[in-house]
Amino acid sequence: MIQFYADQDNEPIMRALSKLIYLNNPDLVLFVGEALVGNDAVDQLSKFNQKLADLSTSSNPRLIDGILLTRFDTIDDKVGAALSMVYISGAPVMFVGCGQSYTDLKKLKVKSIVKTLLK
């Protein structure tokens, strides 16, 4: 698994990340973003995935496999950005961060999201 936060507008870092993914062929590539920033996270994810595709030296570029959203405990009923991220990338939200330590990484509970949306 390669988990790396990179500024999608920093081309040298994105080029290095794309090469790292291509050379190492990890089992899993996760995009890590903050749920708190809402639709900005959707834009970040879209740009990140596009840069991975554009800068890849492979004819079949490797894009993200999943999403890890931090600060998920702070968004209350504002889960629309998470749904949009899944929609635009086709990648699932695999984990959500609900605290400050590694033990605070949780699997996303889809039933609770649906319940929140139907309030």
PDB file of N, CA and C in Angstrom:
ATOM      1  N   MET A   1       0.842  -1.163   0.000  1.00  0.00           N
ATOM      2  CA  MET A   1       0.000   0.000   0.000  1.00  0.00           C
ATOM      3  C   MET A   1       0.895   1.234   0.000  1.00  0.00           C
ATOM      4  N   ILE A   2       0.575   2.188  -0.827  1.00  0.00           N
ATOM      5  CA  ILE A   2       1.254   3.476  -0.800  1.00  0.00           C
ATOM      6  C   ILE A   2       0.230   4.495  -0.357  1.00  0.00           C
ATOM      7  N   GLN A   3       0.524   5.145   0.740  1.00  0.00           N
ATOM      8  CA  GLN A   3      -0.344   6.193   1.255  1.00  0.00           C
ATOM      9  C   GLN A   3       0.523   7.435   1.309  1.00  0.00           C
ATOM     10  N   PHE A   4       0.179   8.441   0.534  1.00  0.00           N
ATOM     11  CA  PHE A   4       1.046   9.591   0.410  1.00  0.00           C
ATOM     12  C   PHE A   4       0.192  10.801   0.133  1.00  0.00           C
ATOM     13  N   TYR A   5       0.378  11.857   0.869  1.00  0.00           N
ATOM     14  CA  TYR A   5      -0.341  13.084   0.583  1.00  0.00           C
ATOM     15  C   TYR A   5       0.557  13.952  -0.279  1.00  0.00           C
ATOM     16  N   ALA A   6       0.042  14.338  -1.404  1.00  0.00           N
ATOM     17  CA  ALA A   6       0.816  15.211  -2.286  1.00  0.00           C
ATOM     18  C   ALA A   6      -0.075  16.332  -2.791  1.00  0.00           C
ATOM     19  N   ASP A   7       0.484  17.482  -2.925  1.00  0.00           N
ATOM     20  CA  ASP A   7      -0.228  18.607  -3.510  1.00  0.00           C
ATOM     21  C   ASP A   7      -0.362  18.323  -5.001  1.00  0.00           C
ATOM     22  N   GLN A   8      -1.602  18.160  -5.454  1.00  0.00           N
ATOM     23  CA  GLN A   8      -1.818  17.767  -6.839  1.00  0.00           C
ATOM     24  C   GLN A   8      -1.351  18.818  -7.840  1.00  0.00           C
ATOM     25  N   ASP A   9      -1.069  20.027  -7.374  1.00  0.00           N
ATOM     26  CA  ASP A   9      -0.571  21.071  -8.264  1.00  0.00           C
ATOM     27  C   ASP A   9       0.954  21.125  -8.303  1.00  0.00           C
ATOM     28  N   ASN A  10       1.615  20.292  -7.521  1.00  0.00           N
ATOM     29  CA  ASN A  10       3.074  20.253  -7.486  1.00  0.00           C
ATOM     30  C   ASN A  10       3.534  19.138  -8.425  1.00  0.00           C
ATOM     31  N   GLU A  11       3.806  19.504  -9.676  1.00  0.00           N
ATOM     32  CA  GLU A  11       4.100  18.499 -10.694  1.00  0.00           C
ATOM     33  C   GLU A  11       5.313  17.621 -10.394  1.00  0.00           C
ATOM     34  N   PRO A  12       6.439  18.149  -9.878  1.00  0.00           N
ATOM     35  CA  PRO A  12       7.558  17.247  -9.576  1.00  0.00           C
ATOM     36  C   PRO A  12       7.194  16.167  -8.554  1.00  0.00           C
ATOM     37  N   ILE A  13       6.437  16.534  -7.520  1.00  0.00           N
ATOM     38  CA  ILE A  13       6.035  15.539  -6.518  1.00  0.00           C
ATOM     39  C   ILE A  13       5.062  14.541  -7.129  1.00  0.00           C
ATOM     40  N   MET A  14       4.120  15.019  -7.914  1.00  0.00           N
ATOM     41  CA  MET A  14       3.141  14.124  -8.531  1.00  0.00           C
ATOM     42  C   MET A  14       3.822  13.189  -9.537  1.00  0.00           C
ATOM     43  N   ARG A  15       4.806  13.687 -10.273  1.00  0.00           N
ATOM     44  CA  ARG A  15       5.541  12.842 -11.220  1.00  0.00           C
ATOM     45  C   ARG A  15       6.293  11.743 -10.461  1.00  0.00           C
ATOM     46  N   ALA A  16       6.936  12.123  -9.341  1.00  0.00           N
ATOM     47  CA  ALA A  16       7.658  11.141  -8.525  1.00  0.00           C
ATOM     48  C   ALA A  16       6.701  10.109  -7.934  1.00  0.00           C
ATOM     49  N   LEU A  17       5.535  10.549  -7.492  1.00  0.00           N
ATOM     50  CA  LEU A  17       4.546   9.625  -6.939  1.00  0.00           C
ATOM     51  C   LEU A  17       4.046   8.668  -8.005  1.00  0.00           C
ATOM     52  N   SER A  18       3.768   9.176  -9.185  1.00  0.00           N
ATOM     53  CA  SER A  18       3.313   8.331 -10.285  1.00  0.00           C
ATOM     54  C   SER A  18       4.363   7.277 -10.630  1.00  0.00           C
ATOM     55  N   LYS A  19       5.629   7.689 -10.650  1.00  0.00           N
ATOM     56  CA  LYS A  19       6.719   6.755 -10.937  1.00  0.00           C
ATOM     57  C   LYS A  19       6.846   5.720  -9.820  1.00  0.00           C
ATOM     58  N   LEU A  20       6.708   6.163  -8.583  1.00  0.00           N
ATOM     59  CA  LEU A  20       6.771   5.263  -7.434  1.00  0.00           C
ATOM     60  C   LEU A  20       5.685   4.186  -7.526  1.00  0.00           C
ATOM     61  N   ILE A  21       4.497   4.592  -7.889  1.00  0.00           N
ATOM     62  CA  ILE A  21       3.386   3.645  -8.033  1.00  0.00           C
ATOM     63  C   ILE A  21       3.666   2.680  -9.177  1.00  0.00           C
ATOM     64  N   TYR A  22       4.143   3.213 -10.297  1.00  0.00           N
ATOM     65  CA  TYR A  22       4.416   2.371 -11.468  1.00  0.00           C
ATOM     66  C   TYR A  22       5.511   1.332 -11.168  1.00  0.00           C
ATOM     67  N   LEU A  23       6.593   1.772 -10.542  1.00  0.00           N
ATOM     68  CA  LEU A  23       7.723   0.878 -10.298  1.00  0.00           C
ATOM     69  C   LEU A  23       7.445  -0.175  -9.218  1.00  0.00           C
ATOM     70  N   ASN A  24       6.698   0.198  -8.192  1.00  0.00           N
ATOM     71  CA  ASN A  24       6.476  -0.696  -7.060  1.00  0.00           C
ATOM     72  C   ASN A  24       5.209  -1.526  -7.165  1.00  0.00           C
ATOM     73  N   ASN A  25       4.295  -1.123  -8.034  1.00  0.00           N
ATOM     74  CA  ASN A  25       3.043  -1.837  -8.229  1.00  0.00           C
ATOM     75  C   ASN A  25       2.420  -2.276  -6.893  1.00  0.00           C
ATOM     76  N   PRO A  26       2.042  -1.308  -6.050  1.00  0.00           N
ATOM     77  CA  PRO A  26       1.497  -1.663  -4.734  1.00  0.00           C
ATOM     78  C   PRO A  26       0.142  -2.366  -4.849  1.00  0.00           C
ATOM     79  N   ASP A  27      -0.211  -3.094  -3.807  1.00  0.00           N
ATOM     80  CA  ASP A  27      -1.502  -3.766  -3.771  1.00  0.00           C
ATOM     81  C   ASP A  27      -2.647  -2.770  -3.676  1.00  0.00           C
ATOM     82  N   LEU A  28      -2.382  -1.634  -3.062  1.00  0.00           N
ATOM     83  CA  LEU A  28      -3.442  -0.676  -2.779  1.00  0.00           C
ATOM     84  C   LEU A  28      -2.890   0.745  -2.815  1.00  0.00           C
ATOM     85  N   VAL A  29      -3.588   1.633  -3.499  1.00  0.00           N
ATOM     86  CA  VAL A  29      -3.235   3.050  -3.523  1.00  0.00           C
ATOM     87  C   VAL A  29      -4.432   3.806  -2.964  1.00  0.00           C
ATOM     88  N   LEU A  30      -4.217   4.501  -1.832  1.00  0.00           N
ATOM     89  CA  LEU A  30      -5.285   5.245  -1.184  1.00  0.00           C
ATOM     90  C   LEU A  30      -5.076   6.741  -1.322  1.00  0.00           C
ATOM     91  N   PHE A  31      -6.163   7.443  -1.587  1.00  0.00           N
ATOM     92  CA  PHE A  31      -6.163   8.897  -1.523  1.00  0.00           C
ATOM     93  C   PHE A  31      -6.579   9.265  -0.105  1.00  0.00           C
ATOM     94  N   VAL A  32      -5.790  10.096   0.562  1.00  0.00           N
ATOM     95  CA  VAL A  32      -6.100  10.539   1.914  1.00  0.00           C
ATOM     96  C   VAL A  32      -6.536  11.993   1.843  1.00  0.00           C
ATOM     97  N   GLY A  33      -7.755  12.252   2.279  1.00  0.00           N
ATOM     98  CA  GLY A  33      -8.278  13.608   2.254  1.00  0.00           C
ATOM     99  C   GLY A  33      -9.072  13.915   3.505  1.00  0.00           C
ATOM    100  N   GLU A  34      -9.324  15.195   3.729  1.00  0.00           N
ATOM    101  CA  GLU A  34     -10.092  15.629   4.895  1.00  0.00           C
ATOM    102  C   GLU A  34     -11.559  15.757   4.532  1.00  0.00           C
ATOM    103  N   ALA A  35     -12.419  15.104   5.283  1.00  0.00           N
ATOM    104  CA  ALA A  35     -13.855  15.204   5.062  1.00  0.00           C
ATOM    105  C   ALA A  35     -14.358  16.608   5.382  1.00  0.00           C
ATOM    106  N   LEU A  36     -13.670  17.282   6.267  1.00  0.00           N
ATOM    107  CA  LEU A  36     -14.075  18.600   6.746  1.00  0.00           C
ATOM    108  C   LEU A  36     -14.100  19.654   5.637  1.00  0.00           C
ATOM    109  N   VAL A  37     -13.303  19.501   4.598  1.00  0.00           N
ATOM    110  CA  VAL A  37     -13.215  20.532   3.561  1.00  0.00           C
ATOM    111  C   VAL A  37     -14.325  20.434   2.519  1.00  0.00           C
ATOM    112  N   GLY A  38     -15.177  19.429   2.628  1.00  0.00           N
ATOM    113  CA  GLY A  38     -16.349  19.324   1.764  1.00  0.00           C
ATOM    114  C   GLY A  38     -16.003  19.149   0.298  1.00  0.00           C
ATOM    115  N   ASN A  39     -16.598  19.988  -0.538  1.00  0.00           N
ATOM    116  CA  ASN A  39     -16.426  19.842  -1.983  1.00  0.00           C
ATOM    117  C   ASN A  39     -15.010  20.131  -2.456  1.00  0.00           C
ATOM    118  N   ASP A  40     -14.198  20.797  -1.655  1.00  0.00           N
ATOM    119  CA  ASP A  40     -12.785  20.978  -2.007  1.00  0.00           C
ATOM    120  C   ASP A  40     -12.084  19.620  -2.074  1.00  0.00           C
ATOM    121  N   ALA A  41     -12.514  18.679  -1.222  1.00  0.00           N
ATOM    122  CA  ALA A  41     -11.934  17.330  -1.250  1.00  0.00           C
ATOM    123  C   ALA A  41     -12.260  16.628  -2.565  1.00  0.00           C
ATOM    124  N   VAL A  42     -13.447  16.884  -3.094  1.00  0.00           N
ATOM    125  CA  VAL A  42     -13.837  16.303  -4.383  1.00  0.00           C
ATOM    126  C   VAL A  42     -12.906  16.821  -5.473  1.00  0.00           C
ATOM    127  N   ASP A  43     -12.635  18.117  -5.450  1.00  0.00           N
ATOM    128  CA  ASP A  43     -11.740  18.732  -6.429  1.00  0.00           C
ATOM    129  C   ASP A  43     -10.319  18.192  -6.285  1.00  0.00           C
ATOM    130  N   GLN A  44      -9.840  18.063  -5.038  1.00  0.00           N
ATOM    131  CA  GLN A  44      -8.498  17.526  -4.796  1.00  0.00           C
ATOM    132  C   GLN A  44      -8.365  16.111  -5.350  1.00  0.00           C
ATOM    133  N   LEU A  45      -9.358  15.293  -5.076  1.00  0.00           N
ATOM    134  CA  LEU A  45      -9.337  13.906  -5.544  1.00  0.00           C
ATOM    135  C   LEU A  45      -9.349  13.838  -7.063  1.00  0.00           C
ATOM    136  N   SER A  46     -10.182  14.628  -7.674  1.00  0.00           N
ATOM    137  CA  SER A  46     -10.269  14.646  -9.134  1.00  0.00           C
ATOM    138  C   SER A  46      -8.941  15.057  -9.763  1.00  0.00           C
ATOM    139  N   LYS A  47      -8.338  16.119  -9.258  1.00  0.00           N
ATOM    140  CA  LYS A  47      -7.052  16.589  -9.779  1.00  0.00           C
ATOM    141  C   LYS A  47      -5.942  15.564  -9.521  1.00  0.00           C
ATOM    142  N   PHE A  48      -5.966  14.961  -8.336  1.00  0.00           N
ATOM    143  CA  PHE A  48      -4.958  13.973  -7.965  1.00  0.00           C
ATOM    144  C   PHE A  48      -5.003  12.786  -8.920  1.00  0.00           C
ATOM    145  N   ASN A  49      -6.185  12.240  -9.134  1.00  0.00           N
ATOM    146  CA  ASN A  49      -6.333  11.093 -10.028  1.00  0.00           C
ATOM    147  C   ASN A  49      -5.945  11.456 -11.460  1.00  0.00           C
ATOM    148  N   GLN A  50      -6.316  12.662 -11.895  1.00  0.00           N
ATOM    149  CA  GLN A  50      -5.990  13.101 -13.250  1.00  0.00           C
ATOM    150  C   GLN A  50      -4.486  13.255 -13.432  1.00  0.00           C
ATOM    151  N   LYS A  51      -3.810  13.795 -12.415  1.00  0.00           N
ATOM    152  CA  LYS A  51      -2.348  13.934 -12.500  1.00  0.00           C
ATOM    153  C   LYS A  51      -1.677  12.568 -12.544  1.00  0.00           C
ATOM    154  N   LEU A  52      -2.180  11.612 -11.738  1.00  0.00           N
ATOM    155  CA  LEU A  52      -1.612  10.263 -11.797  1.00  0.00           C
ATOM    156  C   LEU A  52      -1.730   9.700 -13.207  1.00  0.00           C
ATOM    157  N   ALA A  53      -2.878   9.921 -13.838  1.00  0.00           N
ATOM    158  CA  ALA A  53      -3.086   9.426 -15.204  1.00  0.00           C
ATOM    159  C   ALA A  53      -2.188  10.155 -16.202  1.00  0.00           C
ATOM    160  N   ASP A  54      -2.137  11.475 -16.104  1.00  0.00           N
ATOM    161  CA  ASP A  54      -1.374  12.285 -17.059  1.00  0.00           C
ATOM    162  C   ASP A  54       0.135  12.036 -16.976  1.00  0.00           C
ATOM    163  N   LEU A  55       0.635  11.805 -15.782  1.00  0.00           N
ATOM    164  CA  LEU A  55       2.074  11.699 -15.587  1.00  0.00           C
ATOM    165  C   LEU A  55       2.590  10.265 -15.614  1.00  0.00           C
ATOM    166  N   SER A  56       1.719   9.325 -15.782  1.00  0.00           N
ATOM    167  CA  SER A  56       2.131   7.923 -15.791  1.00  0.00           C
ATOM    168  C   SER A  56       2.916   7.608 -17.058  1.00  0.00           C
ATOM    169  N   THR A  57       3.927   6.768 -16.920  1.00  0.00           N
ATOM    170  CA  THR A  57       4.686   6.327 -18.090  1.00  0.00           C
ATOM    171  C   THR A  57       4.089   5.054 -18.678  1.00  0.00           C
ATOM    172  N   SER A  58       3.064   4.542 -18.047  1.00  0.00           N
ATOM    173  CA  SER A  58       2.403   3.321 -18.498  1.00  0.00           C
ATOM    174  C   SER A  58       1.248   3.656 -19.436  1.00  0.00           C
ATOM    175  N   SER A  59       0.961   2.757 -20.367  1.00  0.00           N
ATOM    176  CA  SER A  59      -0.189   2.970 -21.248  1.00  0.00           C
ATOM    177  C   SER A  59      -1.496   2.700 -20.502  1.00  0.00           C
ATOM    178  N   ASN A  60      -1.402   1.991 -19.390  1.00  0.00           N
ATOM    179  CA  ASN A  60      -2.561   1.720 -18.550  1.00  0.00           C
ATOM    180  C   ASN A  60      -2.260   2.261 -17.150  1.00  0.00           C
ATOM    181  N   PRO A  61      -2.464   3.573 -16.920  1.00  0.00           N
ATOM    182  CA  PRO A  61      -2.036   4.182 -15.659  1.00  0.00           C
ATOM    183  C   PRO A  61      -2.791   3.640 -14.450  1.00  0.00           C
ATOM    184  N   ARG A  62      -2.095   3.578 -13.341  1.00  0.00           N
ATOM    185  CA  ARG A  62      -2.672   3.127 -12.081  1.00  0.00           C
ATOM    186  C   ARG A  62      -3.253   4.329 -11.366  1.00  0.00           C
ATOM    187  N   LEU A  63      -4.524   4.273 -11.050  1.00  0.00           N
ATOM    188  CA  LEU A  63      -5.186   5.341 -10.308  1.00  0.00           C
ATOM    189  C   LEU A  63      -5.457   4.863  -8.886  1.00  0.00           C
ATOM    190  N   ILE A  64      -6.159   5.662  -8.107  1.00  0.00           N
ATOM    191  CA  ILE A  64      -6.400   5.274  -6.723  1.00  0.00           C
ATOM    192  C   ILE A  64      -7.365   4.092  -6.658  1.00  0.00           C
ATOM    193  N   ASP A  65      -7.189   3.289  -5.602  1.00  0.00           N
ATOM    194  CA  ASP A  65      -8.056   2.133  -5.377  1.00  0.00           C
ATOM    195  C   ASP A  65      -9.097   2.416  -4.314  1.00  0.00           C
ATOM    196  N   GLY A  66      -8.834   3.396  -3.480  1.00  0.00           N
ATOM    197  CA  GLY A  66      -9.757   3.684  -2.391  1.00  0.00           C
ATOM    198  C   GLY A  66      -9.466   5.029  -1.764  1.00  0.00           C
ATOM    199  N   ILE A  67     -10.339   5.388  -0.843  1.00  0.00           N
ATOM    200  CA  ILE A  67     -10.285   6.702  -0.200  1.00  0.00           C
ATOM    201  C   ILE A  67     -10.255   6.527   1.312  1.00  0.00           C
ATOM    202  N   LEU A  68      -9.419   7.301   1.964  1.00  0.00           N
ATOM    203  CA  LEU A  68      -9.402   7.392   3.419  1.00  0.00           C
ATOM    204  C   LEU A  68      -9.753   8.838   3.751  1.00  0.00           C
ATOM    205  N   LEU A  69     -10.838   9.038   4.472  1.00  0.00           N
ATOM    206  CA  LEU A  69     -11.267  10.389   4.841  1.00  0.00           C
ATOM    207  C   LEU A  69     -10.987  10.640   6.316  1.00  0.00           C
ATOM    208  N   THR A  70     -10.170  11.639   6.590  1.00  0.00           N
ATOM    209  CA  THR A  70      -9.897  12.014   7.973  1.00  0.00           C
ATOM    210  C   THR A  70     -10.941  13.024   8.438  1.00  0.00           C
ATOM    211  N   ARG A  71     -10.994  13.239   9.741  1.00  0.00           N
ATOM    212  CA  ARG A  71     -11.920  14.185  10.364  1.00  0.00           C
ATOM    213  C   ARG A  71     -13.380  13.879  10.026  1.00  0.00           C
ATOM    214  N   PHE A  72     -13.672  12.631   9.822  1.00  0.00           N
ATOM    215  CA  PHE A  72     -15.029  12.242   9.449  1.00  0.00           C
ATOM    216  C   PHE A  72     -16.008  12.468  10.600  1.00  0.00           C
ATOM    217  N   ASP A  73     -15.520  12.471  11.813  1.00  0.00           N
ATOM    218  CA  ASP A  73     -16.379  12.665  12.977  1.00  0.00           C
ATOM    219  C   ASP A  73     -16.846  14.115  13.125  1.00  0.00           C
ATOM    220  N   THR A  74     -16.324  15.027  12.324  1.00  0.00           N
ATOM    221  CA  THR A  74     -16.655  16.445  12.460  1.00  0.00           C
ATOM    222  C   THR A  74     -17.672  16.936  11.441  1.00  0.00           C
ATOM    223  N   ILE A  75     -18.143  16.058  10.547  1.00  0.00           N
ATOM    224  CA  ILE A  75     -18.985  16.566   9.457  1.00  0.00           C
ATOM    225  C   ILE A  75     -20.478  16.413   9.697  1.00  0.00           C
ATOM    226  N   ASP A  76     -20.898  15.743  10.757  1.00  0.00           N
ATOM    227  CA  ASP A  76     -22.303  15.549  11.092  1.00  0.00           C
ATOM    228  C   ASP A  76     -23.081  14.989   9.901  1.00  0.00           C
ATOM    229  N   ASP A  77     -24.066  15.749   9.434  1.00  0.00           N
ATOM    230  CA  ASP A  77     -24.922  15.240   8.358  1.00  0.00           C
ATOM    231  C   ASP A  77     -24.468  15.696   6.973  1.00  0.00           C
ATOM    232  N   LYS A  78     -23.276  16.236   6.867  1.00  0.00           N
ATOM    233  CA  LYS A  78     -22.778  16.740   5.589  1.00  0.00           C
ATOM    234  C   LYS A  78     -21.911  15.680   4.909  1.00  0.00           C
ATOM    235  N   VAL A  79     -22.529  14.621   4.433  1.00  0.00           N
ATOM    236  CA  VAL A  79     -21.783  13.505   3.846  1.00  0.00           C
ATOM    237  C   VAL A  79     -21.769  13.549   2.318  1.00  0.00           C
ATOM    238  N   GLY A  80     -22.324  14.585   1.750  1.00  0.00           N
ATOM    239  CA  GLY A  80     -22.421  14.681   0.296  1.00  0.00           C
ATOM    240  C   GLY A  80     -21.076  14.648  -0.410  1.00  0.00           C
ATOM    241  N   ALA A  81     -20.064  15.275   0.162  1.00  0.00           N
ATOM    242  CA  ALA A  81     -18.749  15.284  -0.472  1.00  0.00           C
ATOM    243  C   ALA A  81     -18.180  13.872  -0.547  1.00  0.00           C
ATOM    244  N   ALA A  82     -18.383  13.083   0.488  1.00  0.00           N
ATOM    245  CA  ALA A  82     -17.901  11.698   0.474  1.00  0.00           C
ATOM    246  C   ALA A  82     -18.580  10.914  -0.649  1.00  0.00           C
ATOM    247  N   LEU A  83     -19.864  11.118  -0.803  1.00  0.00           N
ATOM    248  CA  LEU A  83     -20.587  10.435  -1.886  1.00  0.00           C
ATOM    249  C   LEU A  83     -20.096  10.906  -3.253  1.00  0.00           C
ATOM    250  N   SER A  84     -19.845  12.191  -3.385  1.00  0.00           N
ATOM    251  CA  SER A  84     -19.343  12.731  -4.654  1.00  0.00           C
ATOM    252  C   SER A  84     -17.964  12.181  -4.977  1.00  0.00           C
ATOM    253  N   MET A  85     -17.120  12.008  -3.960  1.00  0.00           N
ATOM    254  CA  MET A  85     -15.773  11.473  -4.176  1.00  0.00           C
ATOM    255  C   MET A  85     -15.854  10.042  -4.711  1.00  0.00           C
ATOM    256  N   VAL A  86     -16.761   9.266  -4.149  1.00  0.00           N
ATOM    257  CA  VAL A  86     -16.944   7.887  -4.617  1.00  0.00           C
ATOM    258  C   VAL A  86     -17.469   7.901  -6.055  1.00  0.00           C
ATOM    259  N   TYR A  87     -18.404   8.780  -6.327  1.00  0.00           N
ATOM    260  CA  TYR A  87     -19.009   8.847  -7.655  1.00  0.00           C
ATOM    261  C   TYR A  87     -17.991   9.226  -8.736  1.00  0.00           C
ATOM    262  N   ILE A  88     -17.182  10.263  -8.476  1.00  0.00           N
ATOM    263  CA  ILE A  88     -16.270  10.728  -9.525  1.00  0.00           C
ATOM    264  C   ILE A  88     -15.074   9.810  -9.734  1.00  0.00           C
ATOM    265  N   SER A  89     -14.667   9.099  -8.671  1.00  0.00           N
ATOM    266  CA  SER A  89     -13.478   8.257  -8.797  1.00  0.00           C
ATOM    267  C   SER A  89     -13.805   6.793  -9.056  1.00  0.00           C
ATOM    268  N   GLY A  90     -14.999   6.377  -8.666  1.00  0.00           N
ATOM    269  CA  GLY A  90     -15.337   4.958  -8.760  1.00  0.00           C
ATOM    270  C   GLY A  90     -14.646   4.128  -7.693  1.00  0.00           C
ATOM    271  N   ALA A  91     -13.974   4.792  -6.761  1.00  0.00           N
ATOM    272  CA  ALA A  91     -13.249   4.116  -5.680  1.00  0.00           C
ATOM    273  C   ALA A  91     -14.038   4.254  -4.382  1.00  0.00           C
ATOM    274  N   PRO A  92     -14.060   3.218  -3.568  1.00  0.00           N
ATOM    275  CA  PRO A  92     -14.832   3.287  -2.327  1.00  0.00           C
ATOM    276  C   PRO A  92     -14.107   4.043  -1.217  1.00  0.00           C
ATOM    277  N   VAL A  93     -14.883   4.570  -0.280  1.00  0.00           N
ATOM    278  CA  VAL A  93     -14.305   5.080   0.964  1.00  0.00           C
ATOM    279  C   VAL A  93     -14.026   3.848   1.805  1.00  0.00           C
ATOM    280  N   MET A  94     -12.754   3.551   2.017  1.00  0.00           N
ATOM    281  CA  MET A  94     -12.388   2.328   2.713  1.00  0.00           C
ATOM    282  C   MET A  94     -12.267   2.532   4.220  1.00  0.00           C
ATOM    283  N   PHE A  95     -11.778   3.700   4.612  1.00  0.00           N
ATOM    284  CA  PHE A  95     -11.625   3.997   6.030  1.00  0.00           C
ATOM    285  C   PHE A  95     -11.981   5.453   6.285  1.00  0.00           C
ATOM    286  N   VAL A  96     -12.417   5.711   7.497  1.00  0.00           N
ATOM    287  CA  VAL A  96     -12.657   7.084   7.939  1.00  0.00           C
ATOM    288  C   VAL A  96     -11.907   7.292   9.249  1.00  0.00           C
ATOM    289  N   GLY A  97     -11.358   8.474   9.399  1.00  0.00           N
ATOM    290  CA  GLY A  97     -10.650   8.825  10.622  1.00  0.00           C
ATOM    291  C   GLY A  97     -11.587   9.569  11.549  1.00  0.00           C
ATOM    292  N   CYS A  98     -11.664   9.115  12.781  1.00  0.00           N
ATOM    293  CA  CYS A  98     -12.555   9.713  13.779  1.00  0.00           C
ATOM    294  C   CYS A  98     -11.793  10.055  15.049  1.00  0.00           C
ATOM    295  N   GLY A  99     -10.582  10.527  14.906  1.00  0.00           N
ATOM    296  CA  GLY A  99      -9.765  10.868  16.073  1.00  0.00           C
ATOM    297  C   GLY A  99      -8.330  11.128  15.675  1.00  0.00           C
ATOM    298  N   GLN A 100      -7.454  11.066  16.654  1.00  0.00           N
ATOM    299  CA  GLN A 100      -6.067  11.469  16.452  1.00  0.00           C
ATOM    300  C   GLN A 100      -5.063  10.330  16.336  1.00  0.00           C
ATOM    301  N   SER A 101      -5.479   9.074  16.534  1.00  0.00           N
ATOM    302  CA  SER A 101      -4.514   7.975  16.519  1.00  0.00           C
ATOM    303  C   SER A 101      -4.910   6.923  15.488  1.00  0.00           C
ATOM    304  N   TYR A 102      -3.982   5.986  15.240  1.00  0.00           N
ATOM    305  CA  TYR A 102      -4.249   4.935  14.262  1.00  0.00           C
ATOM    306  C   TYR A 102      -5.452   4.088  14.636  1.00  0.00           C
ATOM    307  N   THR A 103      -5.698   3.935  15.931  1.00  0.00           N
ATOM    308  CA  THR A 103      -6.847   3.135  16.366  1.00  0.00           C
ATOM    309  C   THR A 103      -8.173   3.836  16.084  1.00  0.00           C
ATOM    310  N   ASP A 104      -8.101   5.102  15.703  1.00  0.00           N
ATOM    311  CA  ASP A 104      -9.311   5.849  15.373  1.00  0.00           C
ATOM    312  C   ASP A 104      -9.690   5.736  13.898  1.00  0.00           C
ATOM    313  N   LEU A 105      -8.970   4.923  13.136  1.00  0.00           N
ATOM    314  CA  LEU A 105      -9.354   4.643  11.752  1.00  0.00           C
ATOM    315  C   LEU A 105     -10.418   3.555  11.783  1.00  0.00           C
ATOM    316  N   LYS A 106     -11.550   3.823  11.178  1.00  0.00           N
ATOM    317  CA  LYS A 106     -12.683   2.895  11.200  1.00  0.00           C
ATOM    318  C   LYS A 106     -13.124   2.594   9.772  1.00  0.00           C
ATOM    319  N   LYS A 107     -13.746   1.446   9.601  1.00  0.00           N
ATOM    320  CA  LYS A 107     -14.378   1.151   8.315  1.00  0.00           C
ATOM    321  C   LYS A 107     -15.651   1.976   8.223  1.00  0.00           C
ATOM    322  N   LEU A 108     -15.956   2.437   7.025  1.00  0.00           N
ATOM    323  CA  LEU A 108     -17.153   3.243   6.817  1.00  0.00           C
ATOM    324  C   LEU A 108     -18.388   2.372   6.982  1.00  0.00           C
ATOM    325  N   LYS A 109     -19.355   2.842   7.748  1.00  0.00           N
ATOM    326  CA  LYS A 109     -20.614   2.125   7.954  1.00  0.00           C
ATOM    327  C   LYS A 109     -21.659   2.715   7.019  1.00  0.00           C
ATOM    328  N   VAL A 110     -21.911   2.019   5.927  1.00  0.00           N
ATOM    329  CA  VAL A 110     -22.808   2.513   4.888  1.00  0.00           C
ATOM    330  C   VAL A 110     -24.211   2.740   5.434  1.00  0.00           C
ATOM    331  N   LYS A 111     -24.688   1.857   6.290  1.00  0.00           N
ATOM    332  CA  LYS A 111     -26.041   2.013   6.846  1.00  0.00           C
ATOM    333  C   LYS A 111     -26.194   3.326   7.605  1.00  0.00           C
ATOM    334  N   SER A 112     -25.159   3.728   8.318  1.00  0.00           N
ATOM    335  CA  SER A 112     -25.255   4.980   9.069  1.00  0.00           C
ATOM    336  C   SER A 112     -25.260   6.187   8.127  1.00  0.00           C
ATOM    337  N   ILE A 113     -24.559   6.083   7.006  1.00  0.00           N
ATOM    338  CA  ILE A 113     -24.566   7.171   6.012  1.00  0.00           C
ATOM    339  C   ILE A 113     -25.945   7.301   5.386  1.00  0.00           C
ATOM    340  N   VAL A 114     -26.532   6.175   5.011  1.00  0.00           N
ATOM    341  CA  VAL A 114     -27.882   6.194   4.415  1.00  0.00           C
ATOM    342  C   VAL A 114     -28.880   6.761   5.416  1.00  0.00           C
ATOM    343  N   LYS A 115     -28.768   6.361   6.677  1.00  0.00           N
ATOM    344  CA  LYS A 115     -29.660   6.845   7.720  1.00  0.00           C
ATOM    345  C   LYS A 115     -29.528   8.377   7.861  1.00  0.00           C
ATOM    346  N   THR A 116     -28.296   8.860   7.822  1.00  0.00           N
ATOM    347  CA  THR A 116     -28.042  10.296   7.922  1.00  0.00           C
ATOM    348  C   THR A 116     -28.658  11.045   6.738  1.00  0.00           C
ATOM    349  N   LEU A 117     -28.532  10.478   5.551  1.00  0.00           N
ATOM    350  CA  LEU A 117     -29.083  11.133   4.361  1.00  0.00           C
ATOM    351  C   LEU A 117     -30.607  11.173   4.356  1.00  0.00           C
ATOM    352  N   LEU A 118     -31.228  10.187   4.984  1.00  0.00           N
ATOM    353  CA  LEU A 118     -32.690  10.102   4.964  1.00  0.00           C
ATOM    354  C   LEU A 118     -33.352  10.843   6.122  1.00  0.00           C
ATOM    355  N   LYS A 119     -32.580  11.562   6.920  1.00  0.00           N
ATOM    356  CA  LYS A 119     -33.150  12.338   8.042  1.00  0.00           C
ATOM    357  C   LYS A 119     -34.102  13.387   7.533  1.00  0.00           C
TER     358      LYS A 119
END
